[in-house]
Amino acid sequence: MDGERAEVQPHNAPTLNALNDAYLEISRRSTKMRGLLMFFAIFPICFTLAVLAMACSSWEHGIVFSLQILAPGIMTGAMAYHCIRIDTAIPRDEPVRFNRLRRTVYVYSFEHVWWNPFAKWQVTTKSYDWADLRAEVWRQRGATGQGGLMISWGVSVAVVKPGTNHVIDRFPLSVYQDEGSSWDYVRAYMQYGVDAVPPVREFNDPNEVPSHNLALRLAPKVEWPAAMDVESRTGPA
């Protein structure tokens, strides 16, 4: 990681929440899919309401008959609830802070099991030594509905056990058409400081979201633990 000076082009800079002599914060917010599940949840909600109305009107035919009608509505209602929960439970952003003075990286993440509505979903914050990080560029191919080929790529960061190449953890740094430029940006900053990276015209506010995106507006704000927030933004005493 401490080899030749990384070349960084201004148009390849990642979305930044903050940049100064002490730390760099990269945004990992994805707005491309947020709100889509809520939109699709409208249809099962309407179906559930229609089934409830039918079950109430058929109550005179017997409880068993009404429950048979009601069962599909309960299942689709649960599916709608799960879609809405996924869309609104994930925080507005999941930033990563690279503290150049402490040589430490702080990761704000949301852990959830998308297929299990009963699993515990929670925000986690972790810190790692910069020297223990390794970048991994990945590429994924898949077929589109029109028979074409869709290619996406991004950068993950592997955390290795000190002094070895044994990976003990991983976290995504970026997704969608990033062949390593975000890692080049981070590496240049950590090695040489603010002067080594292009100036930023506008910073992203992790808690400011588009007014038209209901899912993001309902999502929890980014709130670092108080002690970690101060530590990750400052240098050692």
C-alpha atoms as a PDB file:
ATOM      1  CA  MET A   1       0.000   0.000   0.000  1.00  0.00           C
ATOM      2  CA  ASP A   2       2.952   2.306   0.508  1.00  0.00           C
ATOM      3  CA  GLY A   3       4.477   1.980  -2.949  1.00  0.00           C
ATOM      4  CA  GLU A   4       4.493   4.562  -5.678  1.00  0.00           C
ATOM      5  CA  ARG A   5       2.339   7.647  -5.418  1.00  0.00           C
ATOM      6  CA  ALA A   6      -1.205   6.856  -6.505  1.00  0.00           C
ATOM      7  CA  GLU A   7      -2.449   8.754  -9.527  1.00  0.00           C
ATOM      8  CA  VAL A   8      -5.900  10.220  -8.918  1.00  0.00           C
ATOM      9  CA  GLN A   9      -8.069  11.862 -11.523  1.00  0.00           C
ATOM     10  CA  PRO A  10     -10.672  14.430 -10.377  1.00  0.00           C
ATOM     11  CA  HIS A  11     -13.541  12.667 -12.145  1.00  0.00           C
ATOM     12  CA  ASN A  12     -12.656   9.416 -10.382  1.00  0.00           C
ATOM     13  CA  ALA A  13     -12.918  10.829  -6.864  1.00  0.00           C
ATOM     14  CA  PRO A  14     -15.450   9.028  -4.656  1.00  0.00           C
ATOM     15  CA  THR A  15     -18.366  10.815  -3.011  1.00  0.00           C
ATOM     16  CA  LEU A  16     -16.947  12.502   0.087  1.00  0.00           C
ATOM     17  CA  ASN A  17     -18.596  13.577   3.319  1.00  0.00           C
ATOM     18  CA  ALA A  18     -15.500  15.254   4.734  1.00  0.00           C
ATOM     19  CA  LEU A  19     -11.856  15.915   3.912  1.00  0.00           C
ATOM     20  CA  ASN A  20      -9.247  17.680   6.030  1.00  0.00           C
ATOM     21  CA  ASP A  21      -5.784  17.142   7.490  1.00  0.00           C
ATOM     22  CA  ALA A  22      -7.110  14.754  10.149  1.00  0.00           C
ATOM     23  CA  TYR A  23      -9.529  12.473   8.330  1.00  0.00           C
ATOM     24  CA  LEU A  24     -11.275  11.572   5.099  1.00  0.00           C
ATOM     25  CA  GLU A  25     -14.860  10.326   5.120  1.00  0.00           C
ATOM     26  CA  ILE A  26     -16.238   8.423   2.139  1.00  0.00           C
ATOM     27  CA  SER A  27     -19.955   8.045   1.584  1.00  0.00           C
ATOM     28  CA  ARG A  28     -21.364   4.604   0.886  1.00  0.00           C
ATOM     29  CA  ARG A  29     -24.935   5.725   0.344  1.00  0.00           C
ATOM     30  CA  SER A  30     -26.776   4.048  -2.491  1.00  0.00           C
ATOM     31  CA  THR A  31     -29.889   5.820  -3.782  1.00  0.00           C
ATOM     32  CA  LYS A  32     -30.316   3.736  -6.931  1.00  0.00           C
ATOM     33  CA  MET A  33     -32.518   1.112  -5.269  1.00  0.00           C
ATOM     34  CA  ARG A  34     -33.833   2.886  -2.172  1.00  0.00           C
ATOM     35  CA  GLY A  35     -37.573   3.332  -2.424  1.00  0.00           C
ATOM     36  CA  LEU A  36     -38.056   0.606  -5.023  1.00  0.00           C
ATOM     37  CA  LEU A  37     -39.155  -2.018  -2.507  1.00  0.00           C
ATOM     38  CA  MET A  38     -41.616   0.428  -0.944  1.00  0.00           C
ATOM     39  CA  PHE A  39     -43.103   1.016  -4.391  1.00  0.00           C
ATOM     40  CA  PHE A  40     -43.559  -2.692  -5.039  1.00  0.00           C
ATOM     41  CA  ALA A  41     -45.030  -3.135  -1.553  1.00  0.00           C
ATOM     42  CA  ILE A  42     -48.075  -1.131  -2.680  1.00  0.00           C
ATOM     43  CA  PHE A  43     -49.400  -4.086  -4.659  1.00  0.00           C
ATOM     44  CA  PRO A  44     -49.325  -6.704  -1.856  1.00  0.00           C
ATOM     45  CA  ILE A  45     -50.784  -4.115   0.535  1.00  0.00           C
ATOM     46  CA  CYS A  46     -53.731  -3.559  -1.811  1.00  0.00           C
ATOM     47  CA  PHE A  47     -54.144  -7.318  -2.181  1.00  0.00           C
ATOM     48  CA  THR A  48     -54.088  -7.761   1.593  1.00  0.00           C
ATOM     49  CA  LEU A  49     -56.758  -5.096   2.085  1.00  0.00           C
ATOM     50  CA  ALA A  50     -58.942  -6.726  -0.575  1.00  0.00           C
ATOM     51  CA  VAL A  51     -58.551 -10.119   1.084  1.00  0.00           C
ATOM     52  CA  LEU A  52     -59.461  -8.664   4.473  1.00  0.00           C
ATOM     53  CA  ALA A  53     -62.611  -7.174   2.993  1.00  0.00           C
ATOM     54  CA  MET A  54     -63.523 -10.513   1.416  1.00  0.00           C
ATOM     55  CA  ALA A  55     -62.862 -12.387   4.654  1.00  0.00           C
ATOM     56  CA  CYS A  56     -65.088 -10.017   6.622  1.00  0.00           C
ATOM     57  CA  SER A  57     -67.904 -10.292   4.101  1.00  0.00           C
ATOM     58  CA  SER A  58     -67.684 -14.097   4.074  1.00  0.00           C
ATOM     59  CA  TRP A  59     -67.633 -14.488   7.856  1.00  0.00           C
ATOM     60  CA  GLU A  60     -71.226 -15.720   7.761  1.00  0.00           C
ATOM     61  CA  HIS A  61     -70.083 -18.777   5.798  1.00  0.00           C
ATOM     62  CA  GLY A  62     -67.969 -19.971   8.692  1.00  0.00           C
ATOM     63  CA  ILE A  63     -64.663 -19.303  10.407  1.00  0.00           C
ATOM     64  CA  VAL A  64     -62.748 -21.971   8.475  1.00  0.00           C
ATOM     65  CA  PHE A  65     -63.876 -20.573   5.136  1.00  0.00           C
ATOM     66  CA  SER A  66     -62.887 -17.023   6.189  1.00  0.00           C
ATOM     67  CA  LEU A  67     -59.482 -18.177   7.411  1.00  0.00           C
ATOM     68  CA  GLN A  68     -58.812 -19.909   4.098  1.00  0.00           C
ATOM     69  CA  ILE A  69     -59.441 -16.618   2.350  1.00  0.00           C
ATOM     70  CA  LEU A  70     -57.463 -14.677   4.924  1.00  0.00           C
ATOM     71  CA  ALA A  71     -54.291 -16.830   4.840  1.00  0.00           C
ATOM     72  CA  PRO A  72     -52.953 -15.519   1.490  1.00  0.00           C
ATOM     73  CA  GLY A  73     -53.607 -11.962   2.638  1.00  0.00           C
ATOM     74  CA  ILE A  74     -51.575 -12.488   5.800  1.00  0.00           C
ATOM     75  CA  MET A  75     -48.662 -13.866   3.776  1.00  0.00           C
ATOM     76  CA  THR A  76     -48.660 -10.989   1.285  1.00  0.00           C
ATOM     77  CA  GLY A  77     -49.056  -8.489   4.105  1.00  0.00           C
ATOM     78  CA  ALA A  78     -46.005  -9.933   5.835  1.00  0.00           C
ATOM     79  CA  MET A  79     -44.069  -9.710   2.571  1.00  0.00           C
ATOM     80  CA  ALA A  80     -45.072  -6.048   2.168  1.00  0.00           C
ATOM     81  CA  TYR A  81     -43.979  -5.286   5.728  1.00  0.00           C
ATOM     82  CA  HIS A  82     -40.613  -6.957   5.120  1.00  0.00           C
ATOM     83  CA  CYS A  83     -40.031  -4.935   1.925  1.00  0.00           C
ATOM     84  CA  ILE A  84     -40.823  -1.686   3.699  1.00  0.00           C
ATOM     85  CA  ARG A  85     -38.601  -2.615   6.616  1.00  0.00           C
ATOM     86  CA  ILE A  86     -35.636  -3.331   4.369  1.00  0.00           C
ATOM     87  CA  ASP A  87     -36.091  -0.020   2.564  1.00  0.00           C
ATOM     88  CA  THR A  88     -36.428   2.103   5.700  1.00  0.00           C
ATOM     89  CA  ALA A  89     -34.288   0.348   8.345  1.00  0.00           C
ATOM     90  CA  ILE A  90     -30.933   0.806   6.602  1.00  0.00           C
ATOM     91  CA  PRO A  91     -29.325   4.128   7.653  1.00  0.00           C
ATOM     92  CA  ARG A  92     -29.180   7.065   5.262  1.00  0.00           C
ATOM     93  CA  ASP A  93     -25.479   6.448   4.749  1.00  0.00           C
ATOM     94  CA  GLU A  94     -22.827   3.957   5.853  1.00  0.00           C
ATOM     95  CA  PRO A  95     -19.666   6.090   5.820  1.00  0.00           C
ATOM     96  CA  VAL A  96     -16.065   5.070   6.287  1.00  0.00           C
ATOM     97  CA  ARG A  97     -13.572   7.395   7.986  1.00  0.00           C
ATOM     98  CA  PHE A  98      -9.854   7.205   7.268  1.00  0.00           C
ATOM     99  CA  ASN A  99      -7.963   8.989  10.036  1.00  0.00           C
ATOM    100  CA  ARG A 100      -4.541   9.896   8.730  1.00  0.00           C
ATOM    101  CA  LEU A 101      -3.178  11.107  12.085  1.00  0.00           C
ATOM    102  CA  ARG A 102      -4.100   7.946  13.980  1.00  0.00           C
ATOM    103  CA  ARG A 103      -3.539   5.594  11.009  1.00  0.00           C
ATOM    104  CA  THR A 104      -6.919   4.076  11.835  1.00  0.00           C
ATOM    105  CA  VAL A 105     -10.043   3.366   9.790  1.00  0.00           C
ATOM    106  CA  TYR A 106     -13.557   3.589  11.225  1.00  0.00           C
ATOM    107  CA  VAL A 107     -16.432   1.769   9.518  1.00  0.00           C
ATOM    108  CA  TYR A 108     -20.136   2.542  10.054  1.00  0.00           C
ATOM    109  CA  SER A 109     -22.226  -0.384   8.838  1.00  0.00           C
ATOM    110  CA  PHE A 110     -25.679  -1.887   9.071  1.00  0.00           C
ATOM    111  CA  GLU A 111     -25.920  -5.624   9.617  1.00  0.00           C
ATOM    112  CA  HIS A 112     -29.115  -7.316   8.504  1.00  0.00           C
ATOM    113  CA  VAL A 113     -30.346 -10.549   6.983  1.00  0.00           C
ATOM    114  CA  TRP A 114     -32.529  -9.477   4.083  1.00  0.00           C
ATOM    115  CA  TRP A 115     -34.434 -12.772   3.885  1.00  0.00           C
ATOM    116  CA  ASN A 116     -35.136 -13.111   7.629  1.00  0.00           C
ATOM    117  CA  PRO A 117     -37.556 -10.536   9.077  1.00  0.00           C
ATOM    118  CA  PHE A 118     -37.075 -11.985  12.563  1.00  0.00           C
ATOM    119  CA  ALA A 119     -33.282 -11.623  12.701  1.00  0.00           C
ATOM    120  CA  LYS A 120     -31.719  -8.823  14.701  1.00  0.00           C
ATOM    121  CA  TRP A 121     -30.829  -5.837  12.523  1.00  0.00           C
ATOM    122  CA  GLN A 122     -28.420  -3.298  13.953  1.00  0.00           C
ATOM    123  CA  VAL A 123     -25.857  -0.607  13.263  1.00  0.00           C
ATOM    124  CA  THR A 124     -22.269  -1.586  13.983  1.00  0.00           C
ATOM    125  CA  THR A 125     -19.122   0.522  14.202  1.00  0.00           C
ATOM    126  CA  LYS A 126     -15.664  -0.987  13.942  1.00  0.00           C
ATOM    127  CA  SER A 127     -12.124   0.325  13.774  1.00  0.00           C
ATOM    128  CA  TYR A 128      -9.077  -1.173  12.060  1.00  0.00           C
ATOM    129  CA  ASP A 129      -5.392  -0.356  11.723  1.00  0.00           C
ATOM    130  CA  TRP A 130      -4.590   1.104   8.315  1.00  0.00           C
ATOM    131  CA  ALA A 131      -1.581  -1.218   7.994  1.00  0.00           C
ATOM    132  CA  ASP A 132      -3.893  -4.263   8.147  1.00  0.00           C
ATOM    133  CA  LEU A 133      -6.048  -3.331   5.144  1.00  0.00           C
ATOM    134  CA  ARG A 134      -5.818  -4.740   1.618  1.00  0.00           C
ATOM    135  CA  ALA A 135      -7.931  -3.638  -1.341  1.00  0.00           C
ATOM    136  CA  GLU A 136      -9.808  -6.184  -3.472  1.00  0.00           C
ATOM    137  CA  VAL A 137     -11.288  -5.146  -6.796  1.00  0.00           C
ATOM    138  CA  TRP A 138     -14.163  -7.377  -7.903  1.00  0.00           C
ATOM    139  CA  ARG A 139     -16.225  -7.705 -11.057  1.00  0.00           C
ATOM    140  CA  GLN A 140     -19.588  -9.391 -11.474  1.00  0.00           C
ATOM    141  CA  ARG A 141     -21.410 -10.333 -14.658  1.00  0.00           C
ATOM    142  CA  GLY A 142     -25.061 -11.146 -15.086  1.00  0.00           C
ATOM    143  CA  ALA A 143     -27.709 -11.386 -17.771  1.00  0.00           C
ATOM    144  CA  THR A 144     -30.302  -8.650 -18.216  1.00  0.00           C
ATOM    145  CA  GLY A 145     -33.987  -9.213 -18.883  1.00  0.00           C
ATOM    146  CA  GLN A 146     -33.441  -8.238 -22.525  1.00  0.00           C
ATOM    147  CA  GLY A 147     -30.808 -10.915 -23.026  1.00  0.00           C
ATOM    148  CA  GLY A 148     -27.848  -8.565 -22.711  1.00  0.00           C
ATOM    149  CA  LEU A 149     -24.885  -8.681 -20.363  1.00  0.00           C
ATOM    150  CA  MET A 150     -24.666  -6.499 -17.266  1.00  0.00           C
ATOM    151  CA  ILE A 151     -21.272  -5.920 -15.666  1.00  0.00           C
ATOM    152  CA  SER A 152     -20.803  -4.272 -12.285  1.00  0.00           C
ATOM    153  CA  TRP A 153     -17.621  -3.833 -10.328  1.00  0.00           C
ATOM    154  CA  GLY A 154     -16.449  -2.310  -7.098  1.00  0.00           C
ATOM    155  CA  VAL A 155     -13.855  -2.333  -4.330  1.00  0.00           C
ATOM    156  CA  SER A 156     -13.890  -4.295  -1.093  1.00  0.00           C
ATOM    157  CA  VAL A 157     -11.381  -3.955   1.718  1.00  0.00           C
ATOM    158  CA  ALA A 158      -9.992  -7.049   3.404  1.00  0.00           C
ATOM    159  CA  VAL A 159      -8.775  -6.831   6.996  1.00  0.00           C
ATOM    160  CA  VAL A 160      -5.889  -9.184   7.672  1.00  0.00           C
ATOM    161  CA  LYS A 161      -4.447 -10.510  10.892  1.00  0.00           C
ATOM    162  CA  PRO A 162      -1.375  -8.377  11.731  1.00  0.00           C
ATOM    163  CA  GLY A 163       1.774  -9.758  10.171  1.00  0.00           C
ATOM    164  CA  THR A 164      -0.089 -12.242   7.965  1.00  0.00           C
ATOM    165  CA  ASN A 165      -2.313 -12.427   4.887  1.00  0.00           C
ATOM    166  CA  HIS A 166      -5.086 -14.221   6.778  1.00  0.00           C
ATOM    167  CA  VAL A 167      -8.335 -12.313   6.196  1.00  0.00           C
ATOM    168  CA  ILE A 168     -10.385 -11.829   9.364  1.00  0.00           C
ATOM    169  CA  ASP A 169     -12.974  -9.353   8.090  1.00  0.00           C
ATOM    170  CA  ARG A 170     -14.137  -7.480   4.999  1.00  0.00           C
ATOM    171  CA  PHE A 171     -16.179  -4.404   4.218  1.00  0.00           C
ATOM    172  CA  PRO A 172     -17.243  -2.840   0.913  1.00  0.00           C
ATOM    173  CA  LEU A 173     -15.649   0.463  -0.015  1.00  0.00           C
ATOM    174  CA  SER A 174     -17.601   1.163  -3.190  1.00  0.00           C
ATOM    175  CA  VAL A 175     -19.866  -0.425  -5.771  1.00  0.00           C
ATOM    176  CA  TYR A 176     -21.039   0.319  -9.289  1.00  0.00           C
ATOM    177  CA  GLN A 177     -18.333   0.953 -11.859  1.00  0.00           C
ATOM    178  CA  ASP A 178     -15.330   1.472  -9.619  1.00  0.00           C
ATOM    179  CA  GLU A 179     -12.210  -0.335 -10.779  1.00  0.00           C
ATOM    180  CA  GLY A 180     -10.075   0.892  -7.897  1.00  0.00           C
ATOM    181  CA  SER A 181     -10.186   4.674  -8.233  1.00  0.00           C
ATOM    182  CA  SER A 182     -11.751   5.117  -4.791  1.00  0.00           C
ATOM    183  CA  TRP A 183      -8.957   3.089  -3.197  1.00  0.00           C
ATOM    184  CA  ASP A 184      -6.355   5.106  -5.141  1.00  0.00           C
ATOM    185  CA  TYR A 185      -7.910   8.254  -3.712  1.00  0.00           C
ATOM    186  CA  VAL A 186      -7.808   6.910  -0.164  1.00  0.00           C
ATOM    187  CA  ARG A 187      -4.265   5.627  -0.530  1.00  0.00           C
ATOM    188  CA  ALA A 188      -3.007   8.949  -1.887  1.00  0.00           C
ATOM    189  CA  TYR A 189      -4.623  10.784   1.010  1.00  0.00           C
ATOM    190  CA  MET A 190      -3.285   8.418   3.672  1.00  0.00           C
ATOM    191  CA  GLN A 191       0.221   8.517   2.241  1.00  0.00           C
ATOM    192  CA  TYR A 192       0.604  12.172   1.288  1.00  0.00           C
ATOM    193  CA  GLY A 193      -2.281  14.158   2.765  1.00  0.00           C
ATOM    194  CA  VAL A 194      -4.866  16.576   1.408  1.00  0.00           C
ATOM    195  CA  ASP A 195      -2.496  18.113  -1.155  1.00  0.00           C
ATOM    196  CA  ALA A 196      -2.191  14.767  -2.944  1.00  0.00           C
ATOM    197  CA  VAL A 197      -5.877  14.542  -3.879  1.00  0.00           C
ATOM    198  CA  PRO A 198      -8.034  16.806  -6.057  1.00  0.00           C
ATOM    199  CA  PRO A 199      -9.936  19.579  -4.271  1.00  0.00           C
ATOM    200  CA  VAL A 200     -13.581  18.871  -3.517  1.00  0.00           C
ATOM    201  CA  ARG A 201     -16.175  21.314  -4.829  1.00  0.00           C
ATOM    202  CA  GLU A 202     -19.066  20.006  -2.778  1.00  0.00           C
ATOM    203  CA  PHE A 203     -19.302  17.605   0.130  1.00  0.00           C
ATOM    204  CA  ASN A 204     -22.137  15.170   0.722  1.00  0.00           C
ATOM    205  CA  ASP A 205     -24.147  15.487   3.928  1.00  0.00           C
ATOM    206  CA  PRO A 206     -24.759  11.899   5.125  1.00  0.00           C
ATOM    207  CA  ASN A 207     -28.063  12.869   6.734  1.00  0.00           C
ATOM    208  CA  GLU A 208     -29.408  15.118   4.008  1.00  0.00           C
ATOM    209  CA  VAL A 209     -31.627  13.158   1.626  1.00  0.00           C
ATOM    210  CA  PRO A 210     -33.792  13.994  -1.400  1.00  0.00           C
ATOM    211  CA  SER A 211     -37.251  15.189  -0.398  1.00  0.00           C
ATOM    212  CA  HIS A 212     -38.878  12.912  -2.973  1.00  0.00           C
ATOM    213  CA  ASN A 213     -37.268   9.715  -1.628  1.00  0.00           C
ATOM    214  CA  LEU A 214     -39.628   8.568   1.115  1.00  0.00           C
ATOM    215  CA  ALA A 215     -37.511   5.529   2.006  1.00  0.00           C
ATOM    216  CA  LEU A 216     -34.443   7.641   2.754  1.00  0.00           C
ATOM    217  CA  ARG A 217     -36.497  10.209   4.640  1.00  0.00           C
ATOM    218  CA  LEU A 218     -37.810   7.464   6.922  1.00  0.00           C
ATOM    219  CA  ALA A 219     -34.369   5.861   7.295  1.00  0.00           C
ATOM    220  CA  PRO A 220     -32.357   6.438  10.502  1.00  0.00           C
ATOM    221  CA  LYS A 221     -29.781   9.208  10.502  1.00  0.00           C
ATOM    222  CA  VAL A 222     -26.082   8.474  10.783  1.00  0.00           C
ATOM    223  CA  GLU A 223     -25.103   8.760  14.437  1.00  0.00           C
ATOM    224  CA  TRP A 224     -21.605   7.677  15.423  1.00  0.00           C
ATOM    225  CA  PRO A 225     -21.010   6.697  19.048  1.00  0.00           C
ATOM    226  CA  ALA A 226     -19.925   9.895  20.806  1.00  0.00           C
ATOM    227  CA  ALA A 227     -16.450   8.694  21.819  1.00  0.00           C
ATOM    228  CA  MET A 228     -15.700   7.171  18.408  1.00  0.00           C
ATOM    229  CA  ASP A 229     -17.009  10.272  16.644  1.00  0.00           C
ATOM    230  CA  VAL A 230     -14.486  12.463  18.449  1.00  0.00           C
ATOM    231  CA  GLU A 231     -11.659   9.947  18.104  1.00  0.00           C
ATOM    232  CA  SER A 232     -12.198   9.391  14.387  1.00  0.00           C
ATOM    233  CA  ARG A 233     -12.140  13.134  13.626  1.00  0.00           C
ATOM    234  CA  THR A 234      -9.065  14.080  15.655  1.00  0.00           C
ATOM    235  CA  GLY A 235      -5.458  13.103  16.154  1.00  0.00           C
ATOM    236  CA  PRO A 236      -3.779  11.590  19.205  1.00  0.00           C
ATOM    237  CA  ALA A 237      -3.260  13.918  22.151  1.00  0.00           C
END
